[in-house]
Amino acid sequence: MSEVNIKVEVAGSVYPLRVNAEDEENIKEAVDLINKKIAEFEKNYAVRDKKDVLGMVMLQLVSQLYKQASSAEKELSHLKSLFTDVESMLKEHQRDIDSIKEEE
């Protein structure tokens, strides 16, 4: 894994980062999303303090992330249940085949 040095600007402040090269694009996309959300909040609400805006953006993004993670966890649980059911059916089918062979 190679690391690269990048600079990102969030809410008007520049931050130097050392990141894995394969993560660079994701980080830049995240920074763009954060800055767009900041602009959106500043436009729609009378909030002047960057710290307050950052807090609002963080709450919104983390809330969305939590919702998606919860949904993915439920979906994974459902898939595990389906795989367990399929495995049981396959085992039962194999037993039926084995019993037919024994009868021959």
PDB file of N, CA and C in Angstrom:
ATOM      1  N   MET A   1       0.822  -1.172   0.000  1.00  0.00           N
ATOM      2  CA  MET A   1       0.000   0.000   0.000  1.00  0.00           C
ATOM      3  C   MET A   1       0.873   1.244   0.000  1.00  0.00           C
ATOM      4  N   SER A   2       0.724   2.052  -1.023  1.00  0.00           N
ATOM      5  CA  SER A   2       1.502   3.289  -1.065  1.00  0.00           C
ATOM      6  C   SER A   2       0.659   4.431  -0.495  1.00  0.00           C
ATOM      7  N   GLU A   3       1.340   5.308   0.191  1.00  0.00           N
ATOM      8  CA  GLU A   3       0.662   6.455   0.774  1.00  0.00           C
ATOM      9  C   GLU A   3       0.993   7.703  -0.025  1.00  0.00           C
ATOM     10  N   VAL A   4       0.041   8.630  -0.040  1.00  0.00           N
ATOM     11  CA  VAL A   4       0.239   9.904  -0.720  1.00  0.00           C
ATOM     12  C   VAL A   4      -0.129  11.034   0.232  1.00  0.00           C
ATOM     13  N   ASN A   5       0.486  12.174   0.014  1.00  0.00           N
ATOM     14  CA  ASN A   5       0.151  13.364   0.780  1.00  0.00           C
ATOM     15  C   ASN A   5      -0.813  14.199  -0.044  1.00  0.00           C
ATOM     16  N   ILE A   6      -1.924  14.567   0.568  1.00  0.00           N
ATOM     17  CA  ILE A   6      -2.891  15.418  -0.121  1.00  0.00           C
ATOM     18  C   ILE A   6      -3.295  16.550   0.819  1.00  0.00           C
ATOM     19  N   LYS A   7      -3.851  17.584   0.238  1.00  0.00           N
ATOM     20  CA  LYS A   7      -4.422  18.678   1.015  1.00  0.00           C
ATOM     21  C   LYS A   7      -5.883  18.772   0.637  1.00  0.00           C
ATOM     22  N   VAL A   8      -6.731  18.856   1.650  1.00  0.00           N
ATOM     23  CA  VAL A   8      -8.162  19.003   1.407  1.00  0.00           C
ATOM     24  C   VAL A   8      -8.641  20.262   2.113  1.00  0.00           C
ATOM     25  N   GLU A   9      -9.650  20.869   1.535  1.00  0.00           N
ATOM     26  CA  GLU A   9     -10.228  22.061   2.138  1.00  0.00           C
ATOM     27  C   GLU A   9     -11.648  21.752   2.588  1.00  0.00           C
ATOM     28  N   VAL A  10     -11.888  21.928   3.879  1.00  0.00           N
ATOM     29  CA  VAL A  10     -13.209  21.711   4.453  1.00  0.00           C
ATOM     30  C   VAL A  10     -13.595  22.989   5.193  1.00  0.00           C
ATOM     31  N   ALA A  11     -14.729  23.537   4.827  1.00  0.00           N
ATOM     32  CA  ALA A  11     -15.264  24.736   5.485  1.00  0.00           C
ATOM     33  C   ALA A  11     -14.256  25.881   5.499  1.00  0.00           C
ATOM     34  N   GLY A  12     -13.491  26.003   4.431  1.00  0.00           N
ATOM     35  CA  GLY A  12     -12.549  27.105   4.328  1.00  0.00           C
ATOM     36  C   GLY A  12     -11.198  26.881   4.974  1.00  0.00           C
ATOM     37  N   SER A  13     -11.012  25.747   5.623  1.00  0.00           N
ATOM     38  CA  SER A  13      -9.721  25.436   6.245  1.00  0.00           C
ATOM     39  C   SER A  13      -9.049  24.311   5.469  1.00  0.00           C
ATOM     40  N   VAL A  14      -7.740  24.414   5.317  1.00  0.00           N
ATOM     41  CA  VAL A  14      -6.979  23.409   4.570  1.00  0.00           C
ATOM     42  C   VAL A  14      -6.347  22.434   5.558  1.00  0.00           C
ATOM     43  N   TYR A  15      -6.468  21.146   5.233  1.00  0.00           N
ATOM     44  CA  TYR A  15      -5.930  20.094   6.081  1.00  0.00           C
ATOM     45  C   TYR A  15      -5.005  19.197   5.265  1.00  0.00           C
ATOM     46  N   PRO A  16      -3.762  19.065   5.681  1.00  0.00           N
ATOM     47  CA  PRO A  16      -2.866  18.122   5.001  1.00  0.00           C
ATOM     48  C   PRO A  16      -3.139  16.714   5.540  1.00  0.00           C
ATOM     49  N   LEU A  17      -3.211  15.760   4.637  1.00  0.00           N
ATOM     50  CA  LEU A  17      -3.480  14.371   5.028  1.00  0.00           C
ATOM     51  C   LEU A  17      -2.482  13.437   4.361  1.00  0.00           C
ATOM     52  N   ARG A  18      -2.181  12.353   5.039  1.00  0.00           N
ATOM     53  CA  ARG A  18      -1.395  11.269   4.462  1.00  0.00           C
ATOM     54  C   ARG A  18      -2.342  10.069   4.399  1.00  0.00           C
ATOM     55  N   VAL A  19      -2.645   9.630   3.178  1.00  0.00           N
ATOM     56  CA  VAL A  19      -3.653   8.590   2.988  1.00  0.00           C
ATOM     57  C   VAL A  19      -3.127   7.501   2.060  1.00  0.00           C
ATOM     58  N   ASN A  20      -3.757   6.342   2.130  1.00  0.00           N
ATOM     59  CA  ASN A  20      -3.457   5.284   1.164  1.00  0.00           C
ATOM     60  C   ASN A  20      -3.889   5.767  -0.213  1.00  0.00           C
ATOM     61  N   ALA A  21      -3.087   5.487  -1.198  1.00  0.00           N
ATOM     62  CA  ALA A  21      -3.361   5.960  -2.558  1.00  0.00           C
ATOM     63  C   ALA A  21      -4.739   5.520  -3.039  1.00  0.00           C
ATOM     64  N   GLU A  22      -5.134   4.298  -2.697  1.00  0.00           N
ATOM     65  CA  GLU A  22      -6.432   3.805  -3.167  1.00  0.00           C
ATOM     66  C   GLU A  22      -7.606   4.490  -2.458  1.00  0.00           C
ATOM     67  N   ASP A  23      -7.354   5.173  -1.348  1.00  0.00           N
ATOM     68  CA  ASP A  23      -8.408   5.890  -0.619  1.00  0.00           C
ATOM     69  C   ASP A  23      -8.530   7.352  -1.037  1.00  0.00           C
ATOM     70  N   GLU A  24      -7.582   7.835  -1.809  1.00  0.00           N
ATOM     71  CA  GLU A  24      -7.544   9.259  -2.146  1.00  0.00           C
ATOM     72  C   GLU A  24      -8.833   9.741  -2.814  1.00  0.00           C
ATOM     73  N   GLU A  25      -9.313   9.019  -3.798  1.00  0.00           N
ATOM     74  CA  GLU A  25     -10.517   9.452  -4.512  1.00  0.00           C
ATOM     75  C   GLU A  25     -11.726   9.471  -3.584  1.00  0.00           C
ATOM     76  N   ASN A  26     -11.860   8.455  -2.722  1.00  0.00           N
ATOM     77  CA  ASN A  26     -12.983   8.426  -1.780  1.00  0.00           C
ATOM     78  C   ASN A  26     -12.929   9.613  -0.826  1.00  0.00           C
ATOM     79  N   ILE A  27     -11.755   9.957  -0.365  1.00  0.00           N
ATOM     80  CA  ILE A  27     -11.600  11.088   0.552  1.00  0.00           C
ATOM     81  C   ILE A  27     -11.978  12.384  -0.147  1.00  0.00           C
ATOM     82  N   LYS A  28     -11.531  12.545  -1.375  1.00  0.00           N
ATOM     83  CA  LYS A  28     -11.870  13.755  -2.121  1.00  0.00           C
ATOM     84  C   LYS A  28     -13.381  13.849  -2.361  1.00  0.00           C
ATOM     85  N   GLU A  29     -14.021  12.726  -2.636  1.00  0.00           N
ATOM     86  CA  GLU A  29     -15.474  12.724  -2.817  1.00  0.00           C
ATOM     87  C   GLU A  29     -16.178  13.066  -1.508  1.00  0.00           C
ATOM     88  N   ALA A  30     -15.662  12.556  -0.398  1.00  0.00           N
ATOM     89  CA  ALA A  30     -16.239  12.872   0.913  1.00  0.00           C
ATOM     90  C   ALA A  30     -16.098  14.358   1.217  1.00  0.00           C
ATOM     91  N   VAL A  31     -14.937  14.912   0.913  1.00  0.00           N
ATOM     92  CA  VAL A  31     -14.708  16.345   1.131  1.00  0.00           C
ATOM     93  C   VAL A  31     -15.681  17.163   0.283  1.00  0.00           C
ATOM     94  N   ASP A  32     -15.873  16.774  -0.975  1.00  0.00           N
ATOM     95  CA  ASP A  32     -16.826  17.478  -1.837  1.00  0.00           C
ATOM     96  C   ASP A  32     -18.239  17.419  -1.252  1.00  0.00           C
ATOM     97  N   LEU A  33     -18.633  16.251  -0.783  1.00  0.00           N
ATOM     98  CA  LEU A  33     -19.957  16.090  -0.179  1.00  0.00           C
ATOM     99  C   LEU A  33     -20.107  16.982   1.050  1.00  0.00           C
ATOM    100  N   ILE A  34     -19.111  16.981   1.910  1.00  0.00           N
ATOM    101  CA  ILE A  34     -19.156  17.812   3.119  1.00  0.00           C
ATOM    102  C   ILE A  34     -19.268  19.286   2.747  1.00  0.00           C
ATOM    103  N   ASN A  35     -18.461  19.734   1.813  1.00  0.00           N
ATOM    104  CA  ASN A  35     -18.505  21.143   1.414  1.00  0.00           C
ATOM    105  C   ASN A  35     -19.836  21.517   0.755  1.00  0.00           C
ATOM    106  N   LYS A  36     -20.418  20.597  -0.013  1.00  0.00           N
ATOM    107  CA  LYS A  36     -21.734  20.866  -0.611  1.00  0.00           C
ATOM    108  C   LYS A  36     -22.797  20.978   0.477  1.00  0.00           C
ATOM    109  N   LYS A  37     -22.725  20.091   1.462  1.00  0.00           N
ATOM    110  CA  LYS A  37     -23.684  20.137   2.572  1.00  0.00           C
ATOM    111  C   LYS A  37     -23.522  21.424   3.375  1.00  0.00           C
ATOM    112  N   ILE A  38     -22.282  21.854   3.575  1.00  0.00           N
ATOM    113  CA  ILE A  38     -22.026  23.112   4.292  1.00  0.00           C
ATOM    114  C   ILE A  38     -22.675  24.268   3.536  1.00  0.00           C
ATOM    115  N   ALA A  39     -22.460  24.328   2.231  1.00  0.00           N
ATOM    116  CA  ALA A  39     -23.042  25.396   1.409  1.00  0.00           C
ATOM    117  C   ALA A  39     -24.564  25.350   1.475  1.00  0.00           C
ATOM    118  N   GLU A  40     -25.123  24.139   1.452  1.00  0.00           N
ATOM    119  CA  GLU A  40     -26.571  23.959   1.524  1.00  0.00           C
ATOM    120  C   GLU A  40     -27.122  24.489   2.855  1.00  0.00           C
ATOM    121  N   PHE A  41     -26.470  24.133   3.952  1.00  0.00           N
ATOM    122  CA  PHE A  41     -26.912  24.601   5.260  1.00  0.00           C
ATOM    123  C   PHE A  41     -26.766  26.116   5.392  1.00  0.00           C
ATOM    124  N   GLU A  42     -25.673  26.660   4.895  1.00  0.00           N
ATOM    125  CA  GLU A  42     -25.462  28.104   4.972  1.00  0.00           C
ATOM    126  C   GLU A  42     -26.503  28.864   4.149  1.00  0.00           C
ATOM    127  N   LYS A  43     -26.905  28.275   3.030  1.00  0.00           N
ATOM    128  CA  LYS A  43     -27.902  28.907   2.170  1.00  0.00           C
ATOM    129  C   LYS A  43     -29.301  28.844   2.792  1.00  0.00           C
ATOM    130  N   ASN A  44     -29.635  27.689   3.378  1.00  0.00           N
ATOM    131  CA  ASN A  44     -30.998  27.467   3.860  1.00  0.00           C
ATOM    132  C   ASN A  44     -31.248  27.899   5.298  1.00  0.00           C
ATOM    133  N   TYR A  45     -30.203  28.077   6.072  1.00  0.00           N
ATOM    134  CA  TYR A  45     -30.363  28.439   7.480  1.00  0.00           C
ATOM    135  C   TYR A  45     -29.482  29.639   7.797  1.00  0.00           C
ATOM    136  N   ALA A  46     -29.923  30.418   8.749  1.00  0.00           N
ATOM    137  CA  ALA A  46     -29.163  31.613   9.151  1.00  0.00           C
ATOM    138  C   ALA A  46     -28.094  31.227  10.164  1.00  0.00           C
ATOM    139  N   VAL A  47     -27.167  30.412   9.731  1.00  0.00           N
ATOM    140  CA  VAL A  47     -26.091  29.965  10.617  1.00  0.00           C
ATOM    141  C   VAL A  47     -24.798  30.589  10.116  1.00  0.00           C
ATOM    142  N   ARG A  48     -24.136  31.330  10.978  1.00  0.00           N
ATOM    143  CA  ARG A  48     -22.915  32.016  10.577  1.00  0.00           C
ATOM    144  C   ARG A  48     -21.661  31.285  11.061  1.00  0.00           C
ATOM    145  N   ASP A  49     -21.765  30.618  12.181  1.00  0.00           N
ATOM    146  CA  ASP A  49     -20.606  29.958  12.781  1.00  0.00           C
ATOM    147  C   ASP A  49     -20.316  28.646  12.054  1.00  0.00           C
ATOM    148  N   LYS A  50     -19.109  28.539  11.488  1.00  0.00           N
ATOM    149  CA  LYS A  50     -18.719  27.321  10.757  1.00  0.00           C
ATOM    150  C   LYS A  50     -18.801  26.088  11.646  1.00  0.00           C
ATOM    151  N   LYS A  51     -18.501  26.268  12.909  1.00  0.00           N
ATOM    152  CA  LYS A  51     -18.540  25.142  13.846  1.00  0.00           C
ATOM    153  C   LYS A  51     -19.965  24.587  13.954  1.00  0.00           C
ATOM    154  N   ASP A  52     -20.947  25.474  14.017  1.00  0.00           N
ATOM    155  CA  ASP A  52     -22.342  25.034  14.073  1.00  0.00           C
ATOM    156  C   ASP A  52     -22.749  24.337  12.787  1.00  0.00           C
ATOM    157  N   VAL A  53     -22.325  24.908  11.654  1.00  0.00           N
ATOM    158  CA  VAL A  53     -22.646  24.305  10.361  1.00  0.00           C
ATOM    159  C   VAL A  53     -22.009  22.922  10.255  1.00  0.00           C
ATOM    160  N   LEU A  54     -20.750  22.804  10.662  1.00  0.00           N
ATOM    161  CA  LEU A  54     -20.073  21.504  10.618  1.00  0.00           C
ATOM    162  C   LEU A  54     -20.790  20.485  11.504  1.00  0.00           C
ATOM    163  N   GLY A  55     -21.244  20.931  12.660  1.00  0.00           N
ATOM    164  CA  GLY A  55     -21.984  20.035  13.547  1.00  0.00           C
ATOM    165  C   GLY A  55     -23.271  19.547  12.904  1.00  0.00           C
ATOM    166  N   MET A  56     -23.987  20.449  12.242  1.00  0.00           N
ATOM    167  CA  MET A  56     -25.232  20.078  11.573  1.00  0.00           C
ATOM    168  C   MET A  56     -24.967  19.110  10.424  1.00  0.00           C
ATOM    169  N   VAL A  57     -23.920  19.383   9.649  1.00  0.00           N
ATOM    170  CA  VAL A  57     -23.558  18.503   8.535  1.00  0.00           C
ATOM    171  C   VAL A  57     -23.164  17.134   9.063  1.00  0.00           C
ATOM    172  N   MET A  58     -22.350  17.112  10.113  1.00  0.00           N
ATOM    173  CA  MET A  58     -21.919  15.840  10.696  1.00  0.00           C
ATOM    174  C   MET A  58     -23.127  15.029  11.152  1.00  0.00           C
ATOM    175  N   LEU A  59     -24.053  15.677  11.854  1.00  0.00           N
ATOM    176  CA  LEU A  59     -25.233  14.974  12.342  1.00  0.00           C
ATOM    177  C   LEU A  59     -26.040  14.384  11.191  1.00  0.00           C
ATOM    178  N   GLN A  60     -26.225  15.157  10.128  1.00  0.00           N
ATOM    179  CA  GLN A  60     -26.992  14.667   8.987  1.00  0.00           C
ATOM    180  C   GLN A  60     -26.297  13.485   8.313  1.00  0.00           C
ATOM    181  N   LEU A  61     -25.002  13.615   8.050  1.00  0.00           N
ATOM    182  CA  LEU A  61     -24.278  12.557   7.343  1.00  0.00           C
ATOM    183  C   LEU A  61     -24.161  11.285   8.173  1.00  0.00           C
ATOM    184  N   VAL A  62     -23.878  11.431   9.454  1.00  0.00           N
ATOM    185  CA  VAL A  62     -23.766  10.248  10.315  1.00  0.00           C
ATOM    186  C   VAL A  62     -25.127   9.578  10.466  1.00  0.00           C
ATOM    187  N   SER A  63     -26.176  10.375  10.547  1.00  0.00           N
ATOM    188  CA  SER A  63     -27.524   9.816  10.630  1.00  0.00           C
ATOM    189  C   SER A  63     -27.845   8.994   9.386  1.00  0.00           C
ATOM    190  N   GLN A  64     -27.494   9.520   8.214  1.00  0.00           N
ATOM    191  CA  GLN A  64     -27.714   8.780   6.963  1.00  0.00           C
ATOM    192  C   GLN A  64     -26.879   7.503   6.921  1.00  0.00           C
ATOM    193  N   LEU A  65     -25.643   7.601   7.361  1.00  0.00           N
ATOM    194  CA  LEU A  65     -24.761   6.438   7.391  1.00  0.00           C
ATOM    195  C   LEU A  65     -25.311   5.364   8.324  1.00  0.00           C
ATOM    196  N   TYR A  66     -25.775   5.784   9.499  1.00  0.00           N
ATOM    197  CA  TYR A  66     -26.332   4.842  10.472  1.00  0.00           C
ATOM    198  C   TYR A  66     -27.564   4.148   9.891  1.00  0.00           C
ATOM    199  N   LYS A  67     -28.404   4.910   9.215  1.00  0.00           N
ATOM    200  CA  LYS A  67     -29.612   4.341   8.608  1.00  0.00           C
ATOM    201  C   LYS A  67     -29.244   3.289   7.558  1.00  0.00           C
ATOM    202  N   GLN A  68     -28.252   3.613   6.714  1.00  0.00           N
ATOM    203  CA  GLN A  68     -27.822   2.675   5.683  1.00  0.00           C
ATOM    204  C   GLN A  68     -27.191   1.428   6.291  1.00  0.00           C
ATOM    205  N   ALA A  69     -26.388   1.607   7.342  1.00  0.00           N
ATOM    206  CA  ALA A  69     -25.743   0.470   7.990  1.00  0.00           C
ATOM    207  C   ALA A  69     -26.790  -0.438   8.621  1.00  0.00           C
ATOM    208  N   SER A  70     -27.786   0.156   9.238  1.00  0.00           N
ATOM    209  CA  SER A  70     -28.852  -0.628   9.859  1.00  0.00           C
ATOM    210  C   SER A  70     -29.626  -1.412   8.808  1.00  0.00           C
ATOM    211  N   SER A  71     -29.902  -0.767   7.696  1.00  0.00           N
ATOM    212  CA  SER A  71     -30.611  -1.426   6.605  1.00  0.00           C
ATOM    213  C   SER A  71     -29.777  -2.572   6.030  1.00  0.00           C
ATOM    214  N   ALA A  72     -28.479  -2.346   5.854  1.00  0.00           N
ATOM    215  CA  ALA A  72     -27.591  -3.387   5.325  1.00  0.00           C
ATOM    216  C   ALA A  72     -27.505  -4.558   6.297  1.00  0.00           C
ATOM    217  N   GLU A  73     -27.490  -4.266   7.591  1.00  0.00           N
ATOM    218  CA  GLU A  73     -27.422  -5.331   8.594  1.00  0.00           C
ATOM    219  C   GLU A  73     -28.682  -6.196   8.551  1.00  0.00           C
ATOM    220  N   LYS A  74     -29.842  -5.552   8.398  1.00  0.00           N
ATOM    221  CA  LYS A  74     -31.102  -6.301   8.305  1.00  0.00           C
ATOM    222  C   LYS A  74     -31.105  -7.176   7.047  1.00  0.00           C
ATOM    223  N   GLU A  75     -30.627  -6.618   5.938  1.00  0.00           N
ATOM    224  CA  GLU A  75     -30.574  -7.365   4.681  1.00  0.00           C
ATOM    225  C   GLU A  75     -29.632  -8.559   4.794  1.00  0.00           C
ATOM    226  N   LEU A  76     -28.488  -8.353   5.436  1.00  0.00           N
ATOM    227  CA  LEU A  76     -27.534  -9.444   5.629  1.00  0.00           C
ATOM    228  C   LEU A  76     -28.137 -10.544   6.485  1.00  0.00           C
ATOM    229  N   SER A  77     -28.844 -10.169   7.524  1.00  0.00           N
ATOM    230  CA  SER A  77     -29.504 -11.149   8.383  1.00  0.00           C
ATOM    231  C   SER A  77     -30.534 -11.954   7.599  1.00  0.00           C
ATOM    232  N   HIS A  78     -31.282 -11.264   6.744  1.00  0.00           N
ATOM    233  CA  HIS A  78     -32.278 -11.942   5.908  1.00  0.00           C
ATOM    234  C   HIS A  78     -31.602 -12.924   4.946  1.00  0.00           C
ATOM    235  N   LEU A  79     -30.493 -12.498   4.330  1.00  0.00           N
ATOM    236  CA  LEU A  79     -29.772 -13.377   3.409  1.00  0.00           C
ATOM    237  C   LEU A  79     -29.212 -14.604   4.122  1.00  0.00           C
ATOM    238  N   LYS A  80     -28.682 -14.422   5.327  1.00  0.00           N
ATOM    239  CA  LYS A  80     -28.173 -15.551   6.105  1.00  0.00           C
ATOM    240  C   LYS A  80     -29.288 -16.549   6.378  1.00  0.00           C
ATOM    241  N   SER A  81     -30.459 -16.043   6.710  1.00  0.00           N
ATOM    242  CA  SER A  81     -31.604 -16.912   6.961  1.00  0.00           C
ATOM    243  C   SER A  81     -31.983 -17.688   5.696  1.00  0.00           C
ATOM    244  N   LEU A  82     -31.983 -17.011   4.554  1.00  0.00           N
ATOM    245  CA  LEU A  82     -32.292 -17.688   3.293  1.00  0.00           C
ATOM    246  C   LEU A  82     -31.270 -18.776   2.972  1.00  0.00           C
ATOM    247  N   PHE A  83     -29.982 -18.471   3.175  1.00  0.00           N
ATOM    248  CA  PHE A  83     -28.943 -19.467   2.921  1.00  0.00           C
ATOM    249  C   PHE A  83     -29.090 -20.671   3.849  1.00  0.00           C
ATOM    250  N   THR A  84     -29.452 -20.426   5.083  1.00  0.00           N
ATOM    251  CA  THR A  84     -29.670 -21.522   6.029  1.00  0.00           C
ATOM    252  C   THR A  84     -30.829 -22.398   5.556  1.00  0.00           C
ATOM    253  N   ASP A  85     -31.906 -21.769   5.090  1.00  0.00           N
ATOM    254  CA  ASP A  85     -33.056 -22.523   4.575  1.00  0.00           C
ATOM    255  C   ASP A  85     -32.674 -23.337   3.344  1.00  0.00           C
ATOM    256  N   VAL A  86     -31.923 -22.741   2.441  1.00  0.00           N
ATOM    257  CA  VAL A  86     -31.493 -23.449   1.226  1.00  0.00           C
ATOM    258  C   VAL A  86     -30.594 -24.627   1.593  1.00  0.00           C
ATOM    259  N   GLU A  87     -29.681 -24.402   2.534  1.00  0.00           N
ATOM    260  CA  GLU A  87     -28.791 -25.479   2.975  1.00  0.00           C
ATOM    261  C   GLU A  87     -29.600 -26.636   3.568  1.00  0.00           C
ATOM    262  N   SER A  88     -30.606 -26.329   4.361  1.00  0.00           N
ATOM    263  CA  SER A  88     -31.455 -27.373   4.942  1.00  0.00           C
ATOM    264  C   SER A  88     -32.201 -28.149   3.860  1.00  0.00           C
ATOM    265  N   MET A  89     -32.707 -27.415   2.881  1.00  0.00           N
ATOM    266  CA  MET A  89     -33.429 -28.089   1.790  1.00  0.00           C
ATOM    267  C   MET A  89     -32.497 -28.993   0.991  1.00  0.00           C
ATOM    268  N   LEU A  90     -31.278 -28.521   0.738  1.00  0.00           N
ATOM    269  CA  LEU A  90     -30.318 -29.339  -0.002  1.00  0.00           C
ATOM    270  C   LEU A  90     -29.949 -30.603   0.770  1.00  0.00           C
ATOM    271  N   LYS A  91     -29.755 -30.469   2.069  1.00  0.00           N
ATOM    272  CA  LYS A  91     -29.436 -31.644   2.895  1.00  0.00           C
ATOM    273  C   LYS A  91     -30.593 -32.635   2.894  1.00  0.00           C
ATOM    274  N   GLU A  92     -31.815 -32.123   2.983  1.00  0.00           N
ATOM    275  CA  GLU A  92     -32.988 -33.002   2.954  1.00  0.00           C
ATOM    276  C   GLU A  92     -33.101 -33.690   1.600  1.00  0.00           C
ATOM    277  N   HIS A  93     -32.850 -32.948   0.555  1.00  0.00           N
ATOM    278  CA  HIS A  93     -32.892 -33.523  -0.789  1.00  0.00           C
ATOM    279  C   HIS A  93     -31.820 -34.605  -0.937  1.00  0.00           C
ATOM    280  N   GLN A  94     -30.625 -34.356  -0.410  1.00  0.00           N
ATOM    281  CA  GLN A  94     -29.552 -35.355  -0.470  1.00  0.00           C
ATOM    282  C   GLN A  94     -29.940 -36.610   0.303  1.00  0.00           C
ATOM    283  N   ARG A  95     -30.580 -36.430   1.466  1.00  0.00           N
ATOM    284  CA  ARG A  95     -31.025 -37.610   2.238  1.00  0.00           C
ATOM    285  C   ARG A  95     -32.055 -38.414   1.446  1.00  0.00           C
ATOM    286  N   ASP A  96     -32.969 -37.706   0.771  1.00  0.00           N
ATOM    287  CA  ASP A  96     -33.973 -38.397  -0.043  1.00  0.00           C
ATOM    288  C   ASP A  96     -33.303 -39.190  -1.167  1.00  0.00           C
ATOM    289  N   ILE A  97     -32.319 -38.584  -1.808  1.00  0.00           N
ATOM    290  CA  ILE A  97     -31.591 -39.268  -2.885  1.00  0.00           C
ATOM    291  C   ILE A  97     -30.859 -40.492  -2.329  1.00  0.00           C
ATOM    292  N   ASP A  98     -30.215 -40.335  -1.186  1.00  0.00           N
ATOM    293  CA  ASP A  98     -29.489 -41.448  -0.570  1.00  0.00           C
ATOM    294  C   ASP A  98     -30.441 -42.590  -0.199  1.00  0.00           C
ATOM    295  N   SER A  99     -31.628 -42.252   0.301  1.00  0.00           N
ATOM    296  CA  SER A  99     -32.576 -43.308   0.690  1.00  0.00           C
ATOM    297  C   SER A  99     -33.122 -44.030  -0.535  1.00  0.00           C
ATOM    298  N   ILE A 100     -33.296 -43.335  -1.650  1.00  0.00           N
ATOM    299  CA  ILE A 100     -33.753 -43.958  -2.898  1.00  0.00           C
ATOM    300  C   ILE A 100     -32.685 -44.920  -3.407  1.00  0.00           C
ATOM    301  N   LYS A 101     -31.413 -44.501  -3.328  1.00  0.00           N
ATOM    302  CA  LYS A 101     -30.312 -45.365  -3.768  1.00  0.00           C
ATOM    303  C   LYS A 101     -30.229 -46.608  -2.925  1.00  0.00           C
ATOM    304  N   GLU A 102     -30.480 -46.468  -1.619  1.00  0.00           N
ATOM    305  CA  GLU A 102     -30.409 -47.626  -0.711  1.00  0.00           C
ATOM    306  C   GLU A 102     -31.518 -48.628  -1.026  1.00  0.00           C
ATOM    307  N   GLU A 103     -32.659 -48.141  -1.492  1.00  0.00           N
ATOM    308  CA  GLU A 103     -33.795 -49.009  -1.791  1.00  0.00           C
ATOM    309  C   GLU A 103     -33.572 -49.792  -3.071  1.00  0.00           C
ATOM    310  N   GLU A 104     -32.715 -49.307  -3.940  1.00  0.00           N
ATOM    311  CA  GLU A 104     -32.485 -49.977  -5.234  1.00  0.00           C
ATOM    312  C   GLU A 104     -31.677 -51.210  -5.080  1.00  0.00           C
TER     313      GLU A 104
END
